[in-house]
Amino acid sequence: MSMQLTKQQVREMAGAINLEIPEADLENVRLRLTTLLASMEKIERELGAAMDQTEPVPPVYPHEDF
């Protein structure tokens, strides 16, 4: 993993969206987020320019009952 987030960085990111992470869960969240970001970096390296040619969000339409 190239990036290792600190607990403080996780707190700050969570705080940006008014999310409070209990201290007991903070290390677990830090590890999972660090792993996710490292995986995303790997995917971006492998796909390179193809990433720019793909829609960032797949077209998903909510199912609404009328």
PDB file of N, CA and C in Angstrom:
ATOM      1  N   MET A   1       0.844  -1.182   0.000  1.00  0.00           N
ATOM      2  CA  MET A   1       0.000   0.000   0.000  1.00  0.00           C
ATOM      3  C   MET A   1       0.885   1.238   0.000  1.00  0.00           C
ATOM      4  N   SER A   2       0.606   2.141  -0.889  1.00  0.00           N
ATOM      5  CA  SER A   2       1.431   3.337  -0.958  1.00  0.00           C
ATOM      6  C   SER A   2       0.959   4.412   0.015  1.00  0.00           C
ATOM      7  N   MET A   3      -0.321   4.453   0.277  1.00  0.00           N
ATOM      8  CA  MET A   3      -0.870   5.485   1.151  1.00  0.00           C
ATOM      9  C   MET A   3      -1.324   4.853   2.464  1.00  0.00           C
ATOM     10  N   GLN A   4      -0.905   5.415   3.560  1.00  0.00           N
ATOM     11  CA  GLN A   4      -1.349   4.969   4.877  1.00  0.00           C
ATOM     12  C   GLN A   4      -2.024   6.156   5.563  1.00  0.00           C
ATOM     13  N   LEU A   5      -3.328   6.078   5.699  1.00  0.00           N
ATOM     14  CA  LEU A   5      -4.049   7.144   6.375  1.00  0.00           C
ATOM     15  C   LEU A   5      -3.812   7.072   7.873  1.00  0.00           C
ATOM     16  N   THR A   6      -3.821   8.235   8.501  1.00  0.00           N
ATOM     17  CA  THR A   6      -3.745   8.282   9.958  1.00  0.00           C
ATOM     18  C   THR A   6      -5.156   8.358  10.516  1.00  0.00           C
ATOM     19  N   LYS A   7      -5.274   8.068  11.803  1.00  0.00           N
ATOM     20  CA  LYS A   7      -6.588   8.184  12.443  1.00  0.00           C
ATOM     21  C   LYS A   7      -7.090   9.623  12.342  1.00  0.00           C
ATOM     22  N   GLN A   8      -6.176  10.577  12.468  1.00  0.00           N
ATOM     23  CA  GLN A   8      -6.568  11.983  12.391  1.00  0.00           C
ATOM     24  C   GLN A   8      -7.118  12.320  11.005  1.00  0.00           C
ATOM     25  N   GLN A   9      -6.497  11.804   9.961  1.00  0.00           N
ATOM     26  CA  GLN A   9      -6.998  12.055   8.603  1.00  0.00           C
ATOM     27  C   GLN A   9      -8.400  11.467   8.426  1.00  0.00           C
ATOM     28  N   VAL A  10      -8.624  10.283   8.971  1.00  0.00           N
ATOM     29  CA  VAL A  10      -9.947   9.663   8.881  1.00  0.00           C
ATOM     30  C   VAL A  10     -10.962  10.512   9.636  1.00  0.00           C
ATOM     31  N   ARG A  11     -10.595  10.971  10.829  1.00  0.00           N
ATOM     32  CA  ARG A  11     -11.506  11.851  11.600  1.00  0.00           C
ATOM     33  C   ARG A  11     -11.855  13.102  10.792  1.00  0.00           C
ATOM     34  N   GLU A  12     -10.851  13.708  10.161  1.00  0.00           N
ATOM     35  CA  GLU A  12     -11.078  14.936   9.392  1.00  0.00           C
ATOM     36  C   GLU A  12     -11.968  14.688   8.180  1.00  0.00           C
ATOM     37  N   MET A  13     -11.751  13.570   7.472  1.00  0.00           N
ATOM     38  CA  MET A  13     -12.600  13.251   6.319  1.00  0.00           C
ATOM     39  C   MET A  13     -14.039  12.998   6.769  1.00  0.00           C
ATOM     40  N   ALA A  14     -14.192  12.264   7.857  1.00  0.00           N
ATOM     41  CA  ALA A  14     -15.530  11.989   8.382  1.00  0.00           C
ATOM     42  C   ALA A  14     -16.185  13.295   8.832  1.00  0.00           C
ATOM     43  N   GLY A  15     -15.402  14.153   9.453  1.00  0.00           N
ATOM     44  CA  GLY A  15     -15.930  15.434   9.917  1.00  0.00           C
ATOM     45  C   GLY A  15     -16.413  16.318   8.789  1.00  0.00           C
ATOM     46  N   ALA A  16     -15.816  16.166   7.608  1.00  0.00           N
ATOM     47  CA  ALA A  16     -16.215  16.972   6.450  1.00  0.00           C
ATOM     48  C   ALA A  16     -17.663  16.701   6.048  1.00  0.00           C
ATOM     49  N   ILE A  17     -18.173  15.525   6.398  1.00  0.00           N
ATOM     50  CA  ILE A  17     -19.574  15.209   6.087  1.00  0.00           C
ATOM     51  C   ILE A  17     -20.394  15.027   7.376  1.00  0.00           C
ATOM     52  N   ASN A  18     -19.878  15.621   8.450  1.00  0.00           N
ATOM     53  CA  ASN A  18     -20.547  15.571   9.749  1.00  0.00           C
ATOM     54  C   ASN A  18     -20.808  14.156  10.231  1.00  0.00           C
ATOM     55  N   LEU A  19     -19.851  13.270  10.008  1.00  0.00           N
ATOM     56  CA  LEU A  19     -19.941  11.883  10.444  1.00  0.00           C
ATOM     57  C   LEU A  19     -18.992  11.683  11.606  1.00  0.00           C
ATOM     58  N   GLU A  20     -19.497  11.188  12.703  1.00  0.00           N
ATOM     59  CA  GLU A  20     -18.659  10.914  13.853  1.00  0.00           C
ATOM     60  C   GLU A  20     -18.408   9.423  13.929  1.00  0.00           C
ATOM     61  N   ILE A  21     -17.150   9.030  13.955  1.00  0.00           N
ATOM     62  CA  ILE A  21     -16.786   7.627  14.063  1.00  0.00           C
ATOM     63  C   ILE A  21     -16.357   7.372  15.508  1.00  0.00           C
ATOM     64  N   PRO A  22     -17.012   6.440  16.167  1.00  0.00           N
ATOM     65  CA  PRO A  22     -16.606   6.140  17.551  1.00  0.00           C
ATOM     66  C   PRO A  22     -15.150   5.694  17.609  1.00  0.00           C
ATOM     67  N   GLU A  23     -14.465   6.081  18.658  1.00  0.00           N
ATOM     68  CA  GLU A  23     -13.044   5.749  18.820  1.00  0.00           C
ATOM     69  C   GLU A  23     -12.808   4.248  18.689  1.00  0.00           C
ATOM     70  N   ALA A  24     -13.717   3.432  19.195  1.00  0.00           N
ATOM     71  CA  ALA A  24     -13.565   1.973  19.138  1.00  0.00           C
ATOM     72  C   ALA A  24     -13.568   1.456  17.700  1.00  0.00           C
ATOM     73  N   ASP A  25     -14.167   2.196  16.767  1.00  0.00           N
ATOM     74  CA  ASP A  25     -14.264   1.771  15.372  1.00  0.00           C
ATOM     75  C   ASP A  25     -13.231   2.432  14.466  1.00  0.00           C
ATOM     76  N   LEU A  26     -12.533   3.414  14.983  1.00  0.00           N
ATOM     77  CA  LEU A  26     -11.670   4.252  14.151  1.00  0.00           C
ATOM     78  C   LEU A  26     -10.552   3.464  13.460  1.00  0.00           C
ATOM     79  N   GLU A  27      -9.888   2.552  14.163  1.00  0.00           N
ATOM     80  CA  GLU A  27      -8.796   1.794  13.550  1.00  0.00           C
ATOM     81  C   GLU A  27      -9.324   0.896  12.433  1.00  0.00           C
ATOM     82  N   ASN A  28     -10.474   0.272  12.641  1.00  0.00           N
ATOM     83  CA  ASN A  28     -11.076  -0.581  11.616  1.00  0.00           C
ATOM     84  C   ASN A  28     -11.421   0.237  10.370  1.00  0.00           C
ATOM     85  N   VAL A  29     -12.013   1.401  10.564  1.00  0.00           N
ATOM     86  CA  VAL A  29     -12.356   2.274   9.441  1.00  0.00           C
ATOM     87  C   VAL A  29     -11.089   2.730   8.730  1.00  0.00           C
ATOM     88  N   ARG A  30     -10.062   3.071   9.484  1.00  0.00           N
ATOM     89  CA  ARG A  30      -8.794   3.515   8.901  1.00  0.00           C
ATOM     90  C   ARG A  30      -8.193   2.426   8.013  1.00  0.00           C
ATOM     91  N   LEU A  31      -8.152   1.206   8.520  1.00  0.00           N
ATOM     92  CA  LEU A  31      -7.591   0.099   7.745  1.00  0.00           C
ATOM     93  C   LEU A  31      -8.396  -0.163   6.476  1.00  0.00           C
ATOM     94  N   ARG A  32      -9.713  -0.174   6.592  1.00  0.00           N
ATOM     95  CA  ARG A  32     -10.565  -0.449   5.432  1.00  0.00           C
ATOM     96  C   ARG A  32     -10.460   0.659   4.384  1.00  0.00           C
ATOM     97  N   LEU A  33     -10.462   1.908   4.823  1.00  0.00           N
ATOM     98  CA  LEU A  33     -10.371   3.025   3.887  1.00  0.00           C
ATOM     99  C   LEU A  33      -9.000   3.057   3.213  1.00  0.00           C
ATOM    100  N   THR A  34      -7.944   2.791   3.965  1.00  0.00           N
ATOM    101  CA  THR A  34      -6.603   2.734   3.393  1.00  0.00           C
ATOM    102  C   THR A  34      -6.529   1.652   2.321  1.00  0.00           C
ATOM    103  N   THR A  35      -7.091   0.485   2.614  1.00  0.00           N
ATOM    104  CA  THR A  35      -7.085  -0.622   1.653  1.00  0.00           C
ATOM    105  C   THR A  35      -7.900  -0.278   0.416  1.00  0.00           C
ATOM    106  N   LEU A  36      -9.055   0.341   0.608  1.00  0.00           N
ATOM    107  CA  LEU A  36      -9.899   0.735  -0.526  1.00  0.00           C
ATOM    108  C   LEU A  36      -9.171   1.729  -1.429  1.00  0.00           C
ATOM    109  N   LEU A  37      -8.564   2.741  -0.840  1.00  0.00           N
ATOM    110  CA  LEU A  37      -7.853   3.742  -1.637  1.00  0.00           C
ATOM    111  C   LEU A  37      -6.662   3.133  -2.379  1.00  0.00           C
ATOM    112  N   ALA A  38      -5.951   2.202  -1.743  1.00  0.00           N
ATOM    113  CA  ALA A  38      -4.827   1.538  -2.410  1.00  0.00           C
ATOM    114  C   ALA A  38      -5.335   0.712  -3.588  1.00  0.00           C
ATOM    115  N   SER A  39      -6.461   0.041  -3.418  1.00  0.00           N
ATOM    116  CA  SER A  39      -7.045  -0.748  -4.516  1.00  0.00           C
ATOM    117  C   SER A  39      -7.465   0.155  -5.669  1.00  0.00           C
ATOM    118  N   MET A  40      -8.026   1.303  -5.338  1.00  0.00           N
ATOM    119  CA  MET A  40      -8.439   2.247  -6.375  1.00  0.00           C
ATOM    120  C   MET A  40      -7.219   2.775  -7.139  1.00  0.00           C
ATOM    121  N   GLU A  41      -6.120   3.026  -6.439  1.00  0.00           N
ATOM    122  CA  GLU A  41      -4.887   3.469  -7.104  1.00  0.00           C
ATOM    123  C   GLU A  41      -4.390   2.404  -8.074  1.00  0.00           C
ATOM    124  N   LYS A  42      -4.429   1.151  -7.663  1.00  0.00           N
ATOM    125  CA  LYS A  42      -3.975   0.047  -8.507  1.00  0.00           C
ATOM    126  C   LYS A  42      -4.839  -0.055  -9.768  1.00  0.00           C
ATOM    127  N   ILE A  43      -6.142   0.030  -9.598  1.00  0.00           N
ATOM    128  CA  ILE A  43      -7.056  -0.034 -10.743  1.00  0.00           C
ATOM    129  C   ILE A  43      -6.766   1.109 -11.708  1.00  0.00           C
ATOM    130  N   GLU A  44      -6.565   2.298 -11.169  1.00  0.00           N
ATOM    131  CA  GLU A  44      -6.292   3.453 -12.022  1.00  0.00           C
ATOM    132  C   GLU A  44      -4.972   3.284 -12.785  1.00  0.00           C
ATOM    133  N   ARG A  45      -3.958   2.734 -12.133  1.00  0.00           N
ATOM    134  CA  ARG A  45      -2.679   2.477 -12.816  1.00  0.00           C
ATOM    135  C   ARG A  45      -2.862   1.477 -13.944  1.00  0.00           C
ATOM    136  N   GLU A  46      -3.639   0.431 -13.708  1.00  0.00           N
ATOM    137  CA  GLU A  46      -3.835  -0.618 -14.715  1.00  0.00           C
ATOM    138  C   GLU A  46      -4.669  -0.139 -15.890  1.00  0.00           C
ATOM    139  N   LEU A  47      -5.682   0.668 -15.626  1.00  0.00           N
ATOM    140  CA  LEU A  47      -6.577   1.107 -16.695  1.00  0.00           C
ATOM    141  C   LEU A  47      -6.099   2.380 -17.382  1.00  0.00           C
ATOM    142  N   GLY A  48      -5.331   3.189 -16.675  1.00  0.00           N
ATOM    143  CA  GLY A  48      -4.772   4.402 -17.252  1.00  0.00           C
ATOM    144  C   GLY A  48      -5.808   5.302 -17.898  1.00  0.00           C
ATOM    145  N   ALA A  49      -5.573   5.650 -19.159  1.00  0.00           N
ATOM    146  CA  ALA A  49      -6.422   6.602 -19.878  1.00  0.00           C
ATOM    147  C   ALA A  49      -7.843   6.075 -20.077  1.00  0.00           C
ATOM    148  N   ALA A  50      -8.029   4.764 -20.029  1.00  0.00           N
ATOM    149  CA  ALA A  50      -9.380   4.204 -20.193  1.00  0.00           C
ATOM    150  C   ALA A  50     -10.318   4.703 -19.099  1.00  0.00           C
ATOM    151  N   MET A  51      -9.759   5.066 -17.953  1.00  0.00           N
ATOM    152  CA  MET A  51     -10.583   5.595 -16.853  1.00  0.00           C
ATOM    153  C   MET A  51     -11.290   6.886 -17.279  1.00  0.00           C
ATOM    154  N   ASP A  52     -10.617   7.689 -18.091  1.00  0.00           N
ATOM    155  CA  ASP A  52     -11.186   8.969 -18.522  1.00  0.00           C
ATOM    156  C   ASP A  52     -12.266   8.801 -19.583  1.00  0.00           C
ATOM    157  N   GLN A  53     -12.357   7.626 -20.170  1.00  0.00           N
ATOM    158  CA  GLN A  53     -13.336   7.382 -21.224  1.00  0.00           C
ATOM    159  C   GLN A  53     -14.569   6.658 -20.706  1.00  0.00           C
ATOM    160  N   THR A  54     -14.637   6.453 -19.405  1.00  0.00           N
ATOM    161  CA  THR A  54     -15.730   5.717 -18.786  1.00  0.00           C
ATOM    162  C   THR A  54     -16.535   6.659 -17.906  1.00  0.00           C
ATOM    163  N   GLU A  55     -17.844   6.525 -17.960  1.00  0.00           N
ATOM    164  CA  GLU A  55     -18.692   7.331 -17.082  1.00  0.00           C
ATOM    165  C   GLU A  55     -18.365   6.995 -15.626  1.00  0.00           C
ATOM    166  N   PRO A  56     -18.250   8.004 -14.769  1.00  0.00           N
ATOM    167  CA  PRO A  56     -17.870   7.752 -13.382  1.00  0.00           C
ATOM    168  C   PRO A  56     -18.934   7.007 -12.582  1.00  0.00           C
ATOM    169  N   VAL A  57     -20.173   7.135 -12.975  1.00  0.00           N
ATOM    170  CA  VAL A  57     -21.262   6.466 -12.268  1.00  0.00           C
ATOM    171  C   VAL A  57     -22.085   5.713 -13.291  1.00  0.00           C
ATOM    172  N   PRO A  58     -22.271   4.417 -13.093  1.00  0.00           N
ATOM    173  CA  PRO A  58     -23.079   3.678 -14.063  1.00  0.00           C
ATOM    174  C   PRO A  58     -24.527   4.167 -14.023  1.00  0.00           C
ATOM    175  N   PRO A  59     -25.210   4.112 -15.154  1.00  0.00           N
ATOM    176  CA  PRO A  59     -26.605   4.564 -15.171  1.00  0.00           C
ATOM    177  C   PRO A  59     -27.486   3.609 -14.392  1.00  0.00           C
ATOM    178  N   VAL A  60     -27.886   4.023 -13.230  1.00  0.00           N
ATOM    179  CA  VAL A  60     -28.781   3.240 -12.388  1.00  0.00           C
ATOM    180  C   VAL A  60     -30.009   4.092 -12.119  1.00  0.00           C
ATOM    181  N   TYR A  61     -31.136   3.549 -12.397  1.00  0.00           N
ATOM    182  CA  TYR A  61     -32.358   4.298 -12.232  1.00  0.00           C
ATOM    183  C   TYR A  61     -33.147   3.747 -11.046  1.00  0.00           C
ATOM    184  N   PRO A  62     -33.588   4.621 -10.163  1.00  0.00           N
ATOM    185  CA  PRO A  62     -34.336   4.138  -8.997  1.00  0.00           C
ATOM    186  C   PRO A  62     -35.654   3.487  -9.434  1.00  0.00           C
ATOM    187  N   HIS A  63     -36.028   2.499  -8.702  1.00  0.00           N
ATOM    188  CA  HIS A  63     -37.289   1.811  -8.955  1.00  0.00           C
ATOM    189  C   HIS A  63     -38.377   2.504  -8.160  1.00  0.00           C
ATOM    190  N   GLU A  64     -39.243   3.191  -8.823  1.00  0.00           N
ATOM    191  CA  GLU A  64     -40.311   3.902  -8.113  1.00  0.00           C
ATOM    192  C   GLU A  64     -41.655   3.315  -8.509  1.00  0.00           C
ATOM    193  N   ASP A  65     -42.499   3.098  -7.526  1.00  0.00           N
ATOM    194  CA  ASP A  65     -43.867   2.655  -7.792  1.00  0.00           C
ATOM    195  C   ASP A  65     -44.755   3.879  -7.943  1.00  0.00           C
ATOM    196  N   PHE A  66     -45.490   3.921  -9.029  1.00  0.00           N
ATOM    197  CA  PHE A  66     -46.384   5.066  -9.259  1.00  0.00           C
ATOM    198  C   PHE A  66     -47.800   4.660  -9.044  1.00  0.00           C
TER     199      PHE A  66
END
